[in-house]
Amino acid sequence: EIIEQDKNSENKNELKKHKETYKYMLEYYSQDTPDPQREKIY
């Protein structure tokens, strides 16, 4: 919401990348898929 006002597209792209990574991490978690890197990624 804050970055929406930002003119720097790099910030928007960076947040999008982190949001996607978080989404995938949650998907693995919800499927009870073992993820030894979960804490490191978090």
All heavy atoms as atom14 arrays in JSON, in Angstrom:
{
  "sequence": "EIIEQDKNSENKNELKKHKETYKYMLEYYSQDTPDPQREKIY",
  "atom14_mask": [
    [1, 1, 1, 1, 1, 1, 1, 1, 1, 0, 0, 0, 0, 0],
    [1, 1, 1, 1, 1, 1, 1, 1, 0, 0, 0, 0, 0, 0],
    [1, 1, 1, 1, 1, 1, 1, 1, 0, 0, 0, 0, 0, 0],
    [1, 1, 1, 1, 1, 1, 1, 1, 1, 0, 0, 0, 0, 0],
    [1, 1, 1, 1, 1, 1, 1, 1, 1, 0, 0, 0, 0, 0],
    [1, 1, 1, 1, 1, 1, 1, 1, 0, 0, 0, 0, 0, 0],
    [1, 1, 1, 1, 1, 1, 1, 1, 1, 0, 0, 0, 0, 0],
    [1, 1, 1, 1, 1, 1, 1, 1, 0, 0, 0, 0, 0, 0],
    [1, 1, 1, 1, 1, 1, 0, 0, 0, 0, 0, 0, 0, 0],
    [1, 1, 1, 1, 1, 1, 1, 1, 1, 0, 0, 0, 0, 0],
    [1, 1, 1, 1, 1, 1, 1, 1, 0, 0, 0, 0, 0, 0],
    [1, 1, 1, 1, 1, 1, 1, 1, 1, 0, 0, 0, 0, 0],
    [1, 1, 1, 1, 1, 1, 1, 1, 0, 0, 0, 0, 0, 0],
    [1, 1, 1, 1, 1, 1, 1, 1, 1, 0, 0, 0, 0, 0],
    [1, 1, 1, 1, 1, 1, 1, 1, 0, 0, 0, 0, 0, 0],
    [1, 1, 1, 1, 1, 1, 1, 1, 1, 0, 0, 0, 0, 0],
    [1, 1, 1, 1, 1, 1, 1, 1, 1, 0, 0, 0, 0, 0],
    [1, 1, 1, 1, 1, 1, 1, 1, 1, 1, 0, 0, 0, 0],
    [1, 1, 1, 1, 1, 1, 1, 1, 1, 0, 0, 0, 0, 0],
    [1, 1, 1, 1, 1, 1, 1, 1, 1, 0, 0, 0, 0, 0],
    [1, 1, 1, 1, 1, 1, 1, 0, 0, 0, 0, 0, 0, 0],
    [1, 1, 1, 1, 1, 1, 1, 1, 1, 1, 1, 1, 0, 0],
    [1, 1, 1, 1, 1, 1, 1, 1, 1, 0, 0, 0, 0, 0],
    [1, 1, 1, 1, 1, 1, 1, 1, 1, 1, 1, 1, 0, 0],
    [1, 1, 1, 1, 1, 1, 1, 1, 0, 0, 0, 0, 0, 0],
    [1, 1, 1, 1, 1, 1, 1, 1, 0, 0, 0, 0, 0, 0],
    [1, 1, 1, 1, 1, 1, 1, 1, 1, 0, 0, 0, 0, 0],
    [1, 1, 1, 1, 1, 1, 1, 1, 1, 1, 1, 1, 0, 0],
    [1, 1, 1, 1, 1, 1, 1, 1, 1, 1, 1, 1, 0, 0],
    [1, 1, 1, 1, 1, 1, 0, 0, 0, 0, 0, 0, 0, 0],
    [1, 1, 1, 1, 1, 1, 1, 1, 1, 0, 0, 0, 0, 0],
    [1, 1, 1, 1, 1, 1, 1, 1, 0, 0, 0, 0, 0, 0],
    [1, 1, 1, 1, 1, 1, 1, 0, 0, 0, 0, 0, 0, 0],
    [1, 1, 1, 1, 1, 1, 1, 0, 0, 0, 0, 0, 0, 0],
    [1, 1, 1, 1, 1, 1, 1, 1, 0, 0, 0, 0, 0, 0],
    [1, 1, 1, 1, 1, 1, 1, 0, 0, 0, 0, 0, 0, 0],
    [1, 1, 1, 1, 1, 1, 1, 1, 1, 0, 0, 0, 0, 0],
    [1, 1, 1, 1, 1, 1, 1, 1, 1, 1, 1, 0, 0, 0],
    [1, 1, 1, 1, 1, 1, 1, 1, 1, 0, 0, 0, 0, 0],
    [1, 1, 1, 1, 1, 1, 1, 1, 1, 0, 0, 0, 0, 0],
    [1, 1, 1, 1, 1, 1, 1, 1, 0, 0, 0, 0, 0, 0],
    [1, 1, 1, 1, 1, 1, 1, 1, 1, 1, 1, 1, 0, 0]
  ],
  "atom14_positions": [
    [[0.83, -1.21, 0.0], [0.0, 0.0, 0.0], [0.87, 1.26, 0.0], [0.6, 2.22, -0.72], [-0.89, -0.03, 1.25], [-1.87, 1.09, 1.34], [-2.69, 0.99, 2.62], [-3.13, -0.12, 2.97], [-2.87, 2.05, 3.27], [0.0, 0.0, 0.0], [0.0, 0.0, 0.0], [0.0, 0.0, 0.0], [0.0, 0.0, 0.0], [0.0, 0.0, 0.0]],
    [[1.92, 1.25, 0.78], [2.83, 2.4, 0.85], [3.58, 2.56, -0.47], [3.69, 3.67, -1.01], [3.83, 2.24, 2.02], [3.08, 2.32, 3.36], [4.92, 3.29, 1.95], [3.93, 1.91, 4.56], [0.0, 0.0, 0.0], [0.0, 0.0, 0.0], [0.0, 0.0, 0.0], [0.0, 0.0, 0.0], [0.0, 0.0, 0.0], [0.0, 0.0, 0.0]],
    [[4.07, 1.47, -1.01], [4.88, 1.51, -2.24], [4.05, 1.92, -3.45], [4.59, 2.42, -4.42], [5.61, 0.17, -2.45], [6.75, 0.04, -1.46], [6.14, 0.04, -3.87], [7.53, -1.24, -1.56], [0.0, 0.0, 0.0], [0.0, 0.0, 0.0], [0.0, 0.0, 0.0], [0.0, 0.0, 0.0], [0.0, 0.0, 0.0], [0.0, 0.0, 0.0]],
    [[2.76, 1.72, -3.37], [1.88, 2.13, -4.47], [2.11, 3.6, -4.82], [2.0, 3.99, -5.98], [0.42, 1.94, -4.02], [-0.51, 1.57, -5.12], [-1.87, 1.22, -4.54], [-2.68, 2.14, -4.4], [-2.08, 0.04, -4.22], [0.0, 0.0, 0.0], [0.0, 0.0, 0.0], [0.0, 0.0, 0.0], [0.0, 0.0, 0.0], [0.0, 0.0, 0.0]],
    [[2.45, 4.41, -3.84], [2.7, 5.84, -4.05], [4.12, 6.12, -4.53], [4.42, 7.23, -4.93], [2.46, 6.6, -2.73], [1.15, 6.33, -2.07], [-0.04, 6.72, -2.91], [-0.03, 7.74, -3.58], [-1.06, 5.89, -2.89], [0.0, 0.0, 0.0], [0.0, 0.0, 0.0], [0.0, 0.0, 0.0], [0.0, 0.0, 0.0], [0.0, 0.0, 0.0]],
    [[4.97, 5.12, -4.47], [6.39, 5.27, -4.8], [6.58, 5.31, -6.31], [5.98, 4.53, -7.04], [7.17, 4.1, -4.2], [8.67, 4.31, -4.18], [9.14, 5.33, -4.71], [9.37, 3.45, -3.64], [0.0, 0.0, 0.0], [0.0, 0.0, 0.0], [0.0, 0.0, 0.0], [0.0, 0.0, 0.0], [0.0, 0.0, 0.0], [0.0, 0.0, 0.0]],
    [[7.43, 6.19, -6.76], [7.71, 6.28, -8.19], [8.82, 5.31, -8.62], [9.04, 5.09, -9.79], [8.13, 7.71, -8.54], [7.0, 8.72, -8.42], [7.51, 10.11, -8.73], [6.47, 11.17, -8.77], [5.56, 11.31, -7.7], [0.0, 0.0, 0.0], [0.0, 0.0, 0.0], [0.0, 0.0, 0.0], [0.0, 0.0, 0.0], [0.0, 0.0, 0.0]],
    [[9.49, 4.72, -7.66], [10.6, 3.82, -7.94], [10.07, 2.42, -8.23], [9.66, 1.69, -7.33], [11.56, 3.81, -6.75], [12.82, 3.03, -7.02], [12.86, 2.18, -7.9], [13.85, 3.31, -6.25], [0.0, 0.0, 0.0], [0.0, 0.0, 0.0], [0.0, 0.0, 0.0], [0.0, 0.0, 0.0], [0.0, 0.0, 0.0], [0.0, 0.0, 0.0]],
    [[10.13, 2.03, -9.49], [9.61, 0.71, -9.87], [10.47, -0.43, -9.32], [9.98, -1.55, -9.18], [9.49, 0.61, -11.39], [10.74, 0.72, -12.0], [0.0, 0.0, 0.0], [0.0, 0.0, 0.0], [0.0, 0.0, 0.0], [0.0, 0.0, 0.0], [0.0, 0.0, 0.0], [0.0, 0.0, 0.0], [0.0, 0.0, 0.0], [0.0, 0.0, 0.0]],
    [[11.73, -0.15, -9.0], [12.59, -1.18, -8.41], [12.03, -1.65, -7.07], [12.06, -2.84, -6.77], [14.02, -0.66, -8.23], [14.78, -0.52, -9.52], [16.19, 0.01, -9.3], [16.76, -0.23, -8.21], [16.7, 0.65, -10.21], [0.0, 0.0, 0.0], [0.0, 0.0, 0.0], [0.0, 0.0, 0.0], [0.0, 0.0, 0.0], [0.0, 0.0, 0.0]],
    [[11.52, -0.72, -6.29], [10.94, -1.08, -5.0], [9.69, -1.95, -5.19], [9.49, -2.92, -4.47], [10.58, 0.17, -4.19], [11.8, 0.94, -3.74], [12.9, 0.39, -3.65], [11.62, 2.2, -3.46], [0.0, 0.0, 0.0], [0.0, 0.0, 0.0], [0.0, 0.0, 0.0], [0.0, 0.0, 0.0], [0.0, 0.0, 0.0], [0.0, 0.0, 0.0]],
    [[8.9, -1.59, -6.16], [7.69, -2.38, -6.45], [8.07, -3.79, -6.9], [7.46, -4.77, -6.47], [6.85, -1.7, -7.53], [6.21, -0.41, -7.06], [5.45, 0.27, -8.18], [4.96, 1.63, -7.71], [4.24, 2.36, -8.73], [0.0, 0.0, 0.0], [0.0, 0.0, 0.0], [0.0, 0.0, 0.0], [0.0, 0.0, 0.0], [0.0, 0.0, 0.0]],
    [[9.07, -3.89, -7.76], [9.52, -5.2, -8.25], [10.12, -6.04, -7.13], [9.88, -7.25, -7.06], [10.52, -5.03, -9.39], [9.89, -4.48, -10.64], [8.7, -4.61, -10.86], [10.7, -3.84, -11.47], [0.0, 0.0, 0.0], [0.0, 0.0, 0.0], [0.0, 0.0, 0.0], [0.0, 0.0, 0.0], [0.0, 0.0, 0.0], [0.0, 0.0, 0.0]],
    [[10.87, -5.39, -6.27], [11.48, -6.12, -5.15], [10.4, -6.68, -4.22], [10.46, -7.84, -3.8], [12.42, -5.22, -4.38], [13.15, -5.93, -3.28], [14.15, -5.05, -2.55], [14.55, -4.0, -3.07], [14.51, -5.45, -1.42], [0.0, 0.0, 0.0], [0.0, 0.0, 0.0], [0.0, 0.0, 0.0], [0.0, 0.0, 0.0], [0.0, 0.0, 0.0]],
    [[9.41, -5.85, -3.92], [8.33, -6.32, -3.05], [7.55, -7.45, -3.7], [7.21, -8.44, -3.04], [7.38, -5.18, -2.68], [6.24, -5.58, -1.74], [6.78, -6.11, -0.42], [5.29, -4.42, -1.53], [0.0, 0.0, 0.0], [0.0, 0.0, 0.0], [0.0, 0.0, 0.0], [0.0, 0.0, 0.0], [0.0, 0.0, 0.0], [0.0, 0.0, 0.0]],
    [[7.33, -7.34, -4.99], [6.61, -8.39, -5.71], [7.37, -9.72, -5.6], [6.77, -10.77, -5.37], [6.45, -7.99, -7.18], [5.67, -8.98, -7.99], [5.52, -8.51, -9.43], [4.79, -9.55, -10.25], [4.67, -9.16, -11.65], [0.0, 0.0, 0.0], [0.0, 0.0, 0.0], [0.0, 0.0, 0.0], [0.0, 0.0, 0.0], [0.0, 0.0, 0.0]],
    [[8.68, -9.66, -5.73], [9.52, -10.86, -5.62], [9.38, -11.49, -4.24], [9.18, -12.71, -4.1], [10.97, -10.51, -5.91], [11.94, -11.66, -5.79], [13.37, -11.22, -6.0], [13.86, -10.57, -4.72], [15.26, -10.3, -4.67], [0.0, 0.0, 0.0], [0.0, 0.0, 0.0], [0.0, 0.0, 0.0], [0.0, 0.0, 0.0], [0.0, 0.0, 0.0]],
    [[9.44, -10.67, -3.19], [9.32, -11.19, -1.83], [7.92, -11.72, -1.55], [7.76, -12.74, -0.86], [9.68, -10.11, -0.81], [11.08, -9.62, -0.94], [12.18, -10.46, -1.03], [11.58, -8.37, -1.04], [13.28, -9.75, -1.15], [12.94, -8.47, -1.17], [0.0, 0.0, 0.0], [0.0, 0.0, 0.0], [0.0, 0.0, 0.0], [0.0, 0.0, 0.0]],
    [[6.94, -11.07, -2.11], [5.55, -11.52, -1.93], [5.35, -12.89, -2.58], [4.72, -13.77, -2.0], [4.6, -10.49, -2.55], [3.15, -10.77, -2.31], [2.28, -9.66, -2.89], [0.82, -9.94, -2.65], [-0.04, -8.86, -3.16], [0.0, 0.0, 0.0], [0.0, 0.0, 0.0], [0.0, 0.0, 0.0], [0.0, 0.0, 0.0], [0.0, 0.0, 0.0]],
    [[5.9, -13.08, -3.75], [5.79, -14.38, -4.43], [6.52, -15.47, -3.66], [6.01, -16.58, -3.5], [6.33, -14.28, -5.85], [5.42, -13.53, -6.79], [5.99, -13.4, -8.2], [6.91, -14.16, -8.56], [5.52, -12.51, -8.92], [0.0, 0.0, 0.0], [0.0, 0.0, 0.0], [0.0, 0.0, 0.0], [0.0, 0.0, 0.0], [0.0, 0.0, 0.0]],
    [[7.7, -15.17, -3.18], [8.47, -16.15, -2.41], [7.69, -16.54, -1.15], [7.6, -17.73, -0.81], [9.84, -15.57, -2.01], [10.54, -15.19, -3.19], [10.66, -16.58, -1.23], [0.0, 0.0, 0.0], [0.0, 0.0, 0.0], [0.0, 0.0, 0.0], [0.0, 0.0, 0.0], [0.0, 0.0, 0.0], [0.0, 0.0, 0.0], [0.0, 0.0, 0.0]],
    [[7.1, -15.56, -0.48], [6.31, -15.83, 0.72], [5.1, -16.69, 0.37], [4.76, -17.63, 1.1], [5.9, -14.52, 1.37], [5.18, -14.7, 2.68], [5.86, -15.19, 3.79], [3.85, -14.36, 2.82], [5.21, -15.35, 5.01], [3.19, -14.52, 4.02], [3.87, -15.01, 5.11], [3.23, -15.18, 6.31], [0.0, 0.0, 0.0], [0.0, 0.0, 0.0]],
    [[4.47, -16.39, -0.75], [3.29, -17.16, -1.19], [3.67, -18.63, -1.41], [2.96, -19.52, -0.95], [2.73, -16.56, -2.48], [1.49, -17.26, -2.99], [1.04, -16.67, -4.29], [1.51, -17.56, -5.4], [1.08, -17.23, -6.72], [0.0, 0.0, 0.0], [0.0, 0.0, 0.0], [0.0, 0.0, 0.0], [0.0, 0.0, 0.0], [0.0, 0.0, 0.0]],
    [[4.78, -18.87, -2.08], [5.22, -20.24, -2.33], [5.58, -20.95, -1.03], [5.29, -22.13, -0.86], [6.38, -20.29, -3.32], [5.98, -19.9, -4.71], [6.66, -18.92, -5.41], [4.9, -20.52, -5.34], [6.28, -18.56, -6.7], [4.51, -20.16, -6.62], [5.22, -19.17, -7.29], [4.84, -18.82, -8.56], [0.0, 0.0, 0.0], [0.0, 0.0, 0.0]],
    [[6.2, -20.22, -0.13], [6.54, -20.81, 1.16], [5.27, -21.25, 1.9], [5.22, -22.34, 2.47], [7.32, -19.8, 2.0], [7.87, -20.38, 3.28], [8.69, -19.15, 4.32], [7.26, -18.36, 5.05], [0.0, 0.0, 0.0], [0.0, 0.0, 0.0], [0.0, 0.0, 0.0], [0.0, 0.0, 0.0], [0.0, 0.0, 0.0], [0.0, 0.0, 0.0]],
    [[4.25, -20.42, 1.85], [2.98, -20.77, 2.5], [2.29, -21.95, 1.81], [1.68, -22.79, 2.48], [2.03, -19.57, 2.51], [2.42, -18.42, 3.44], [1.39, -17.3, 3.32], [2.54, -18.89, 4.87], [0.0, 0.0, 0.0], [0.0, 0.0, 0.0], [0.0, 0.0, 0.0], [0.0, 0.0, 0.0], [0.0, 0.0, 0.0], [0.0, 0.0, 0.0]],
    [[2.41, -22.02, 0.49], [1.83, -23.15, -0.24], [2.48, -24.46, 0.19], [1.78, -25.46, 0.43], [1.98, -22.96, -1.75], [0.98, -22.0, -2.34], [1.14, -21.84, -3.84], [1.65, -22.75, -4.51], [0.76, -20.76, -4.34], [0.0, 0.0, 0.0], [0.0, 0.0, 0.0], [0.0, 0.0, 0.0], [0.0, 0.0, 0.0], [0.0, 0.0, 0.0]],
    [[3.8, -24.48, 0.28], [4.5, -25.69, 0.74], [4.05, -26.04, 2.14], [3.8, -27.2, 2.46], [6.01, -25.5, 0.72], [6.64, -25.54, -0.65], [7.45, -24.51, -1.1], [6.45, -26.63, -1.49], [8.03, -24.55, -2.36], [7.03, -26.68, -2.74], [7.82, -25.63, -3.17], [8.39, -25.68, -4.4], [0.0, 0.0, 0.0], [0.0, 0.0, 0.0]],
    [[3.96, -25.03, 2.97], [3.57, -25.26, 4.37], [2.16, -25.84, 4.45], [1.91, -26.78, 5.2], [3.66, -23.95, 5.15], [3.29, -24.07, 6.59], [4.17, -24.69, 7.49], [2.08, -23.59, 7.07], [3.84, -24.82, 8.83], [1.75, -23.72, 8.41], [2.63, -24.33, 9.28], [2.3, -24.46, 10.6], [0.0, 0.0, 0.0], [0.0, 0.0, 0.0]],
    [[1.24, -25.3, 3.68], [-0.16, -25.75, 3.73], [-0.31, -27.18, 3.2], [-1.27, -27.86, 3.53], [-1.07, -24.81, 2.96], [-0.82, -24.89, 1.58], [0.0, 0.0, 0.0], [0.0, 0.0, 0.0], [0.0, 0.0, 0.0], [0.0, 0.0, 0.0], [0.0, 0.0, 0.0], [0.0, 0.0, 0.0], [0.0, 0.0, 0.0], [0.0, 0.0, 0.0]],
    [[0.63, -27.63, 2.38], [0.58, -28.99, 1.82], [1.4, -29.97, 2.67], [1.58, -31.12, 2.28], [1.12, -28.99, 0.39], [0.32, -28.16, -0.56], [1.02, -27.95, -1.88], [2.12, -28.44, -2.11], [0.39, -27.21, -2.77], [0.0, 0.0, 0.0], [0.0, 0.0, 0.0], [0.0, 0.0, 0.0], [0.0, 0.0, 0.0], [0.0, 0.0, 0.0]],
    [[1.86, -29.5, 3.81], [2.72, -30.31, 4.68], [3.94, -30.86, 3.95], [4.41, -31.96, 4.24], [1.93, -31.46, 5.32], [1.03, -30.98, 6.44], [1.35, -29.94, 7.03], [0.01, -31.65, 6.71], [0.0, 0.0, 0.0], [0.0, 0.0, 0.0], [0.0, 0.0, 0.0], [0.0, 0.0, 0.0], [0.0, 0.0, 0.0], [0.0, 0.0, 0.0]],
    [[4.42, -30.1, 2.99], [5.62, -30.49, 2.26], [6.84, -30.15, 3.1], [6.98, -29.02, 3.56], [5.7, -29.73, 0.91], [4.51, -29.97, 0.18], [6.89, -30.16, 0.1], [0.0, 0.0, 0.0], [0.0, 0.0, 0.0], [0.0, 0.0, 0.0], [0.0, 0.0, 0.0], [0.0, 0.0, 0.0], [0.0, 0.0, 0.0], [0.0, 0.0, 0.0]],
    [[7.72, -31.11, 3.32], [8.93, -30.82, 4.09], [9.75, -29.72, 3.4], [9.98, -29.78, 2.19], [9.7, -32.14, 4.11], [8.71, -33.18, 3.72], [7.67, -32.5, 2.89], [0.0, 0.0, 0.0], [0.0, 0.0, 0.0], [0.0, 0.0, 0.0], [0.0, 0.0, 0.0], [0.0, 0.0, 0.0], [0.0, 0.0, 0.0], [0.0, 0.0, 0.0]],
    [[10.14, -28.76, 4.16], [10.92, -27.66, 3.61], [12.0, -27.28, 4.63], [11.77, -26.44, 5.49], [10.01, -26.46, 3.32], [10.73, -25.33, 2.61], [11.95, -25.45, 2.36], [10.08, -24.32, 2.32], [0.0, 0.0, 0.0], [0.0, 0.0, 0.0], [0.0, 0.0, 0.0], [0.0, 0.0, 0.0], [0.0, 0.0, 0.0], [0.0, 0.0, 0.0]],
    [[13.16, -27.91, 4.52], [14.22, -27.65, 5.5], [14.75, -26.21, 5.43], [15.37, -25.75, 6.37], [15.31, -28.65, 5.13], [15.03, -29.05, 3.74], [13.55, -28.89, 3.52], [0.0, 0.0, 0.0], [0.0, 0.0, 0.0], [0.0, 0.0, 0.0], [0.0, 0.0, 0.0], [0.0, 0.0, 0.0], [0.0, 0.0, 0.0], [0.0, 0.0, 0.0]],
    [[14.44, -25.51, 4.36], [14.92, -24.14, 4.2], [13.89, -23.09, 4.65], [14.12, -21.9, 4.53], [15.27, -23.88, 2.72], [16.41, -24.73, 2.22], [17.71, -24.39, 2.91], [18.06, -23.24, 3.06], [18.42, -25.42, 3.35], [0.0, 0.0, 0.0], [0.0, 0.0, 0.0], [0.0, 0.0, 0.0], [0.0, 0.0, 0.0], [0.0, 0.0, 0.0]],
    [[12.74, -23.55, 5.15], [11.63, -22.63, 5.48], [12.08, -21.5, 6.41], [11.8, -20.32, 6.14], [10.47, -23.38, 6.09], [9.29, -22.47, 6.4], [8.12, -23.19, 7.03], [7.64, -24.2, 6.13], [7.27, -25.43, 6.51], [7.33, -25.77, 7.76], [6.85, -26.3, 5.63], [0.0, 0.0, 0.0], [0.0, 0.0, 0.0], [0.0, 0.0, 0.0]],
    [[12.74, -21.84, 7.48], [13.14, -20.81, 8.45], [14.13, -19.82, 7.82], [14.03, -18.61, 8.03], [13.75, -21.44, 9.69], [14.02, -20.45, 10.79], [14.51, -21.09, 12.07], [14.32, -22.3, 12.26], [15.1, -20.36, 12.88], [0.0, 0.0, 0.0], [0.0, 0.0, 0.0], [0.0, 0.0, 0.0], [0.0, 0.0, 0.0], [0.0, 0.0, 0.0]],
    [[15.05, -20.34, 7.03], [16.02, -19.48, 6.37], [15.32, -18.53, 5.38], [15.63, -17.34, 5.33], [17.06, -20.33, 5.63], [18.11, -19.52, 4.93], [19.09, -20.42, 4.21], [20.09, -19.57, 3.45], [21.0, -20.38, 2.65], [0.0, 0.0, 0.0], [0.0, 0.0, 0.0], [0.0, 0.0, 0.0], [0.0, 0.0, 0.0], [0.0, 0.0, 0.0]],
    [[14.38, -19.06, 4.62], [13.64, -18.24, 3.65], [12.82, -17.19, 4.38], [12.8, -16.01, 4.0], [12.74, -19.12, 2.76], [13.61, -20.01, 1.86], [11.78, -18.28, 1.92], [12.85, -21.11, 1.15], [0.0, 0.0, 0.0], [0.0, 0.0, 0.0], [0.0, 0.0, 0.0], [0.0, 0.0, 0.0], [0.0, 0.0, 0.0], [0.0, 0.0, 0.0]],
    [[12.15, -17.6, 5.45], [11.34, -16.68, 6.25], [12.2, -15.52, 6.76], [11.83, -14.35, 6.63], [10.7, -17.44, 7.42], [9.77, -16.61, 8.25], [8.41, -16.59, 7.99], [10.23, -15.85, 9.32], [7.54, -15.83, 8.75], [9.38, -15.09, 10.08], [8.03, -15.08, 9.8], [7.19, -14.32, 10.55], [0.0, 0.0, 0.0], [0.0, 0.0, 0.0]]
  ]
}
